[in-house]
C-alpha atoms as a PDB file:
ATOM      1  CA  MET A   1      44.799 203.739 -13.858  1.00  0.00           C
ATOM      2  CA  VAL A   2      43.866 202.900 -17.430  1.00  0.00           C
ATOM      3  CA  ILE A   3      40.264 203.223 -18.540  1.00  0.00           C
ATOM      4  CA  VAL A   4      39.393 200.969 -21.462  1.00  0.00           C
ATOM      5  CA  THR A   5      36.067 201.067 -23.240  1.00  0.00           C
ATOM      6  CA  ASP A   6      35.978 198.464 -26.049  1.00  0.00           C
ATOM      7  CA  ALA A   7      35.957 194.678 -25.416  1.00  0.00           C
ATOM      8  CA  GLU A   8      39.129 193.901 -27.444  1.00  0.00           C
ATOM      9  CA  SER A   9      41.169 196.458 -25.531  1.00  0.00           C
ATOM     10  CA  LYS A  10      39.806 195.178 -22.214  1.00  0.00           C
ATOM     11  CA  TYR A  11      40.881 191.667 -23.230  1.00  0.00           C
ATOM     12  CA  ARG A  12      44.431 192.838 -24.091  1.00  0.00           C
ATOM     13  CA  VAL A  13      44.732 194.703 -20.786  1.00  0.00           C
ATOM     14  CA  TRP A  14      43.515 191.585 -18.944  1.00  0.00           C
ATOM     15  CA  GLN A  15      46.063 189.399 -20.813  1.00  0.00           C
ATOM     16  CA  ASN A  16      48.905 191.768 -19.909  1.00  0.00           C
ATOM     17  CA  TYR A  17      47.760 191.860 -16.300  1.00  0.00           C
ATOM     18  CA  CYS A  18      47.763 188.032 -16.143  1.00  0.00           C
ATOM     19  CA  LYS A  19      51.222 187.838 -17.754  1.00  0.00           C
ATOM     20  CA  ILE A  20      52.590 190.301 -15.204  1.00  0.00           C
ATOM     21  CA  LYS A  21      51.033 188.333 -12.313  1.00  0.00           C
ATOM     22  CA  ILE A  22      52.418 185.008 -13.630  1.00  0.00           C
ATOM     23  CA  ASN A  23      55.882 186.459 -14.265  1.00  0.00           C
ATOM     24  CA  THR A  24      55.922 188.039 -10.802  1.00  0.00           C
ATOM     25  CA  HIS A  25      54.902 184.736  -9.236  1.00  0.00           C
ATOM     26  CA  LEU A  26      57.605 182.826 -11.158  1.00  0.00           C
ATOM     27  CA  MET A  27      60.211 185.413 -10.261  1.00  0.00           C
ATOM     28  CA  LYS A  28      59.343 185.129  -6.561  1.00  0.00           C
ATOM     29  CA  LYS A  29      59.651 181.318  -6.750  1.00  0.00           C
ATOM     30  CA  SER A  30      62.987 181.593  -8.577  1.00  0.00           C
ATOM     31  CA  ILE A  31      64.381 184.030  -6.029  1.00  0.00           C
ATOM     32  CA  LEU A  32      63.218 181.807  -3.165  1.00  0.00           C
ATOM     33  CA  SER A  33      64.822 178.743  -4.809  1.00  0.00           C
ATOM     34  CA  LEU A  34      68.091 180.612  -5.320  1.00  0.00           C
ATOM     35  CA  MET A  35      68.087 181.795  -1.708  1.00  0.00           C
ATOM     36  CA  LEU A  36      67.503 178.241  -0.427  1.00  0.00           C
ATOM     37  CA  ALA A  37      70.266 176.844  -2.644  1.00  0.00           C
ATOM     38  CA  ALA A  38      72.689 179.560  -1.552  1.00  0.00           C
ATOM     39  CA  GLY A  39      71.850 178.887   2.090  1.00  0.00           C
ATOM     40  CA  ALA A  40      72.441 175.157   1.687  1.00  0.00           C
ATOM     41  CA  MET A  41      75.762 175.769  -0.043  1.00  0.00           C
ATOM     42  CA  ALA A  42      76.846 178.218   2.642  1.00  0.00           C
ATOM     43  CA  ALA A  43      75.928 175.743   5.390  1.00  0.00           C
ATOM     44  CA  CYS A  44      78.057 173.036   3.761  1.00  0.00           C
ATOM     45  CA  GLN A  45      80.983 175.375   3.206  1.00  0.00           C
ATOM     46  CA  ASN A  46      80.902 176.635   6.784  1.00  0.00           C
ATOM     47  CA  GLN A  47      81.528 173.146   8.194  1.00  0.00           C
ATOM     48  CA  SER A  48      84.924 172.408   9.645  1.00  0.00           C
ATOM     49  CA  PRO A  49      86.884 169.542   8.052  1.00  0.00           C
ATOM     50  CA  GLU A  50      86.038 167.376  11.079  1.00  0.00           C
ATOM     51  CA  GLN A  51      82.306 168.020  10.647  1.00  0.00           C
ATOM     52  CA  LYS A  52      82.507 167.157   6.940  1.00  0.00           C
ATOM     53  CA  ILE A  53      84.238 163.866   7.713  1.00  0.00           C
ATOM     54  CA  ASP A  54      81.738 163.063  10.482  1.00  0.00           C
ATOM     55  CA  SER A  55      78.834 163.690   8.104  1.00  0.00           C
ATOM     56  CA  LEU A  56      80.235 161.165   5.624  1.00  0.00           C
ATOM     57  CA  ALA A  57      79.250 158.123   7.662  1.00  0.00           C
ATOM     58  CA  THR A  58      80.792 154.804   6.696  1.00  0.00           C
ATOM     59  CA  ALA A  59      79.114 151.462   7.154  1.00  0.00           C
ATOM     60  CA  PRO A  60      79.965 150.056  10.585  1.00  0.00           C
ATOM     61  CA  ASP A  61      82.232 147.015  10.880  1.00  0.00           C
ATOM     62  CA  THR A  62      83.894 147.472   7.480  1.00  0.00           C
ATOM     63  CA  VAL A  63      87.472 148.179   6.530  1.00  0.00           C
ATOM     64  CA  ALA A  64      87.267 151.774   5.299  1.00  0.00           C
ATOM     65  CA  THR A  65      89.522 154.527   4.050  1.00  0.00           C
ATOM     66  CA  ASN A  66      87.827 157.865   4.721  1.00  0.00           C
ATOM     67  CA  ASN A  67      84.236 157.227   3.543  1.00  0.00           C
ATOM     68  CA  LYS A  68      85.051 154.397   1.135  1.00  0.00           C
ATOM     69  CA  SER A  69      84.363 150.716   1.865  1.00  0.00           C
ATOM     70  CA  CYS A  70      85.661 147.827  -0.216  1.00  0.00           C
ATOM     71  CA  TYR A  71      84.635 144.181  -0.400  1.00  0.00           C
ATOM     72  CA  SER A  72      85.785 141.185  -2.391  1.00  0.00           C
ATOM     73  CA  LEU A  73      84.973 137.568  -3.143  1.00  0.00           C
ATOM     74  CA  THR A  74      87.327 135.071  -4.730  1.00  0.00           C
ATOM     75  CA  LYS A  75      85.908 131.566  -4.852  1.00  0.00           C
ATOM     76  CA  ASN A  76      87.078 128.894  -7.261  1.00  0.00           C
ATOM     77  CA  ARG A  77      87.588 130.936 -10.432  1.00  0.00           C
ATOM     78  CA  ASP A  78      84.839 133.485  -9.667  1.00  0.00           C
ATOM     79  CA  THR A  79      85.666 136.991  -8.465  1.00  0.00           C
ATOM     80  CA  ILE A  80      83.572 139.947  -7.355  1.00  0.00           C
ATOM     81  CA  SER A  81      84.911 143.295  -6.191  1.00  0.00           C
ATOM     82  CA  LEU A  82      82.823 146.108  -4.743  1.00  0.00           C
ATOM     83  CA  SER A  83      84.100 149.566  -3.891  1.00  0.00           C
ATOM     84  CA  MET A  84      81.558 152.028  -2.515  1.00  0.00           C
ATOM     85  CA  VAL A  85      81.249 155.429  -0.939  1.00  0.00           C
ATOM     86  CA  ARG A  86      78.516 156.069   1.595  1.00  0.00           C
ATOM     87  CA  VAL A  87      77.094 159.501   2.354  1.00  0.00           C
ATOM     88  CA  GLY A  88      74.230 159.267   4.815  1.00  0.00           C
ATOM     89  CA  ASN A  89      71.942 156.558   3.445  1.00  0.00           C
ATOM     90  CA  ALA A  90      73.121 157.011  -0.146  1.00  0.00           C
ATOM     91  CA  VAL A  91      75.761 154.775  -1.669  1.00  0.00           C
ATOM     92  CA  THR A  92      77.667 154.922  -4.967  1.00  0.00           C
ATOM     93  CA  GLY A  93      80.592 152.950  -6.283  1.00  0.00           C
ATOM     94  CA  THR A  94      81.902 150.341  -8.680  1.00  0.00           C
ATOM     95  CA  LEU A  95      81.089 146.668  -8.955  1.00  0.00           C
ATOM     96  CA  ASP A  96      82.979 144.128 -11.072  1.00  0.00           C
ATOM     97  CA  ILE A  97      81.671 140.579 -11.461  1.00  0.00           C
ATOM     98  CA  ALA A  98      83.709 137.906 -13.229  1.00  0.00           C
ATOM     99  CA  PHE A  99      82.255 134.399 -13.075  1.00  0.00           C
ATOM    100  CA  TYR A 100      84.323 131.672 -14.675  1.00  0.00           C
ATOM    101  CA  GLN A 101      83.510 131.110 -18.375  1.00  0.00           C
ATOM    102  CA  LYS A 102      80.933 133.931 -18.411  1.00  0.00           C
ATOM    103  CA  ASP A 103      81.170 137.511 -19.652  1.00  0.00           C
ATOM    104  CA  LYS A 104      82.657 139.912 -17.120  1.00  0.00           C
ATOM    105  CA  ASN A 105      80.323 142.659 -15.882  1.00  0.00           C
ATOM    106  CA  THR A 106      81.965 145.981 -15.036  1.00  0.00           C
ATOM    107  CA  GLY A 107      79.918 148.931 -13.872  1.00  0.00           C
ATOM    108  CA  THR A 108      78.721 151.392 -11.290  1.00  0.00           C
ATOM    109  CA  ILE A 109      76.173 151.271  -8.486  1.00  0.00           C
ATOM    110  CA  ALA A 110      73.962 154.013  -7.085  1.00  0.00           C
ATOM    111  CA  GLY A 111      71.386 153.367  -4.406  1.00  0.00           C
ATOM    112  CA  LEU A 112      70.268 153.531  -0.799  1.00  0.00           C
ATOM    113  CA  ILE A 113      70.976 151.722   2.436  1.00  0.00           C
ATOM    114  CA  LYS A 114      67.813 150.661   4.248  1.00  0.00           C
ATOM    115  CA  GLY A 115      68.558 149.067   7.604  1.00  0.00           C
ATOM    116  CA  ASP A 116      71.061 146.283   6.919  1.00  0.00           C
ATOM    117  CA  THR A 117      70.326 146.141   3.162  1.00  0.00           C
ATOM    118  CA  ILE A 118      71.807 148.000   0.202  1.00  0.00           C
ATOM    119  CA  ILE A 119      69.499 148.297  -2.808  1.00  0.00           C
ATOM    120  CA  ALA A 120      71.083 149.941  -5.827  1.00  0.00           C
ATOM    121  CA  ASP A 121      70.936 150.273  -9.585  1.00  0.00           C
ATOM    122  CA  TYR A 122      73.848 148.475 -11.222  1.00  0.00           C
ATOM    123  CA  THR A 123      74.717 149.987 -14.606  1.00  0.00           C
ATOM    124  CA  PHE A 124      77.187 147.706 -16.342  1.00  0.00           C
ATOM    125  CA  MET A 125      78.798 146.707 -19.599  1.00  0.00           C
ATOM    126  CA  SER A 126      78.389 143.118 -20.757  1.00  0.00           C
ATOM    127  CA  GLU A 127      78.365 141.433 -24.139  1.00  0.00           C
ATOM    128  CA  GLY A 128      79.074 144.747 -25.856  1.00  0.00           C
ATOM    129  CA  GLY A 129      76.053 146.587 -24.440  1.00  0.00           C
ATOM    130  CA  THR A 130      75.008 148.575 -21.396  1.00  0.00           C
ATOM    131  CA  SER A 131      72.398 147.150 -19.031  1.00  0.00           C
ATOM    132  CA  VAL A 132      70.795 148.322 -15.798  1.00  0.00           C
ATOM    133  CA  ARG A 133      69.501 146.024 -13.095  1.00  0.00           C
ATOM    134  CA  GLU A 134      68.627 146.358  -9.470  1.00  0.00           C
ATOM    135  CA  ILE A 135      71.001 144.637  -7.039  1.00  0.00           C
ATOM    136  CA  ALA A 136      70.879 144.074  -3.303  1.00  0.00           C
ATOM    137  CA  PHE A 137      73.351 143.161  -0.579  1.00  0.00           C
ATOM    138  CA  VAL A 138      72.506 142.358   3.019  1.00  0.00           C
ATOM    139  CA  LYS A 139      74.985 142.860   5.865  1.00  0.00           C
ATOM    140  CA  LYS A 140      75.959 139.679   7.718  1.00  0.00           C
ATOM    141  CA  GLY A 141      78.440 140.610  10.440  1.00  0.00           C
ATOM    142  CA  ASP A 142      81.239 142.418   8.603  1.00  0.00           C
ATOM    143  CA  GLN A 143      80.383 140.767   5.267  1.00  0.00           C
ATOM    144  CA  LEU A 144      77.905 141.552   2.488  1.00  0.00           C
ATOM    145  CA  ALA A 145      75.789 138.767   0.987  1.00  0.00           C
ATOM    146  CA  ASP A 146      74.381 139.188  -2.515  1.00  0.00           C
ATOM    147  CA  CYS A 147      70.580 138.925  -2.533  1.00  0.00           C
ATOM    148  CA  TYR A 148      68.234 137.511  -5.115  1.00  0.00           C
ATOM    149  CA  GLY A 149      64.524 137.378  -5.766  1.00  0.00           C
ATOM    150  CA  PRO A 150      61.926 137.480  -8.530  1.00  0.00           C
ATOM    151  CA  SER A 151      62.515 140.324 -10.967  1.00  0.00           C
ATOM    152  CA  GLN A 152      61.018 141.815 -14.111  1.00  0.00           C
ATOM    153  CA  GLU A 153      61.919 144.252 -16.870  1.00  0.00           C
ATOM    154  CA  LYS A 154      60.459 147.713 -16.243  1.00  0.00           C
ATOM    155  CA  ASN A 155      61.302 150.833 -18.278  1.00  0.00           C
ATOM    156  CA  GLY A 156      64.503 149.300 -19.644  1.00  0.00           C
ATOM    157  CA  LYS A 157      65.718 148.147 -16.214  1.00  0.00           C
ATOM    158  CA  THR A 158      65.474 144.813 -14.413  1.00  0.00           C
ATOM    159  CA  VAL A 159      63.909 145.419 -10.984  1.00  0.00           C
ATOM    160  CA  PHE A 160      62.925 143.228  -8.053  1.00  0.00           C
ATOM    161  CA  THR A 161      59.191 142.544  -7.985  1.00  0.00           C
ATOM    162  CA  ASN A 162      59.163 142.289  -4.171  1.00  0.00           C
ATOM    163  CA  PRO A 163      62.236 144.021  -2.666  1.00  0.00           C
ATOM    164  CA  GLY A 164      61.029 143.313   0.873  1.00  0.00           C
ATOM    165  CA  ASN A 165      61.245 139.549   0.337  1.00  0.00           C
ATOM    166  CA  LEU A 166      64.788 139.024  -1.007  1.00  0.00           C
ATOM    167  CA  LYS A 167      66.922 136.009  -0.102  1.00  0.00           C
ATOM    168  CA  ALA A 168      70.637 136.141   0.732  1.00  0.00           C
ATOM    169  CA  ASP A 169      72.857 133.991  -1.488  1.00  0.00           C
ATOM    170  CA  ASP A 170      75.295 131.910   0.586  1.00  0.00           C
ATOM    171  CA  TYR A 171      77.694 131.532  -2.375  1.00  0.00           C
ATOM    172  CA  THR A 172      78.302 135.216  -3.077  1.00  0.00           C
ATOM    173  CA  VAL A 173      79.348 136.592   0.305  1.00  0.00           C
ATOM    174  CA  LEU A 174      81.835 139.446   0.027  1.00  0.00           C
ATOM    175  CA  SER A 175      84.411 140.085   2.744  1.00  0.00           C
ATOM    176  CA  PRO A 176      85.791 143.511   3.646  1.00  0.00           C
ATOM    177  CA  ILE A 177      89.225 144.357   2.230  1.00  0.00           C
ATOM    178  CA  GLN A 178      91.560 147.320   2.426  1.00  0.00           C
ATOM    179  CA  CYS A 179      90.602 149.913  -0.199  1.00  0.00           C
ATOM    180  CA  LYS A 180      93.265 150.750  -2.760  1.00  0.00           C
END
């Protein structure tokens, strides 16, 4: 035990004590985080191939290869193609939109499936720049209908103002296709 008599020395000892306590606390949190991460990784690696495939759930009623689902629309001179991978409620993939006499949009989606609706961020190239907007599709039988609703610009992204009140567009209904 250290006995300190003057105020400045007491202050320095107190500062060192606090630093040690904070560092010890941070180290304990770091070790705990590492242990949890290692446990999660070990649990995933210990799954059999069948369990891994079962955990990659695909959307029901779609044509799928492994955990990938693909949809397409060709109407008049307009085309849309959607290729997505579903893991649990998360979905990622690519979406290409080419409406006749308009710039083609090519990009990626990342979002969630909530009930029968997919809501995702669509990051795409158009007119020489990158844009991000929220998109939505609702399941109608084995098809996906594009949804629309009021939206606004928020933090550089176009988002729906009321995602719970979207309307399905009868023109842009995508049908399942065999994935390439």
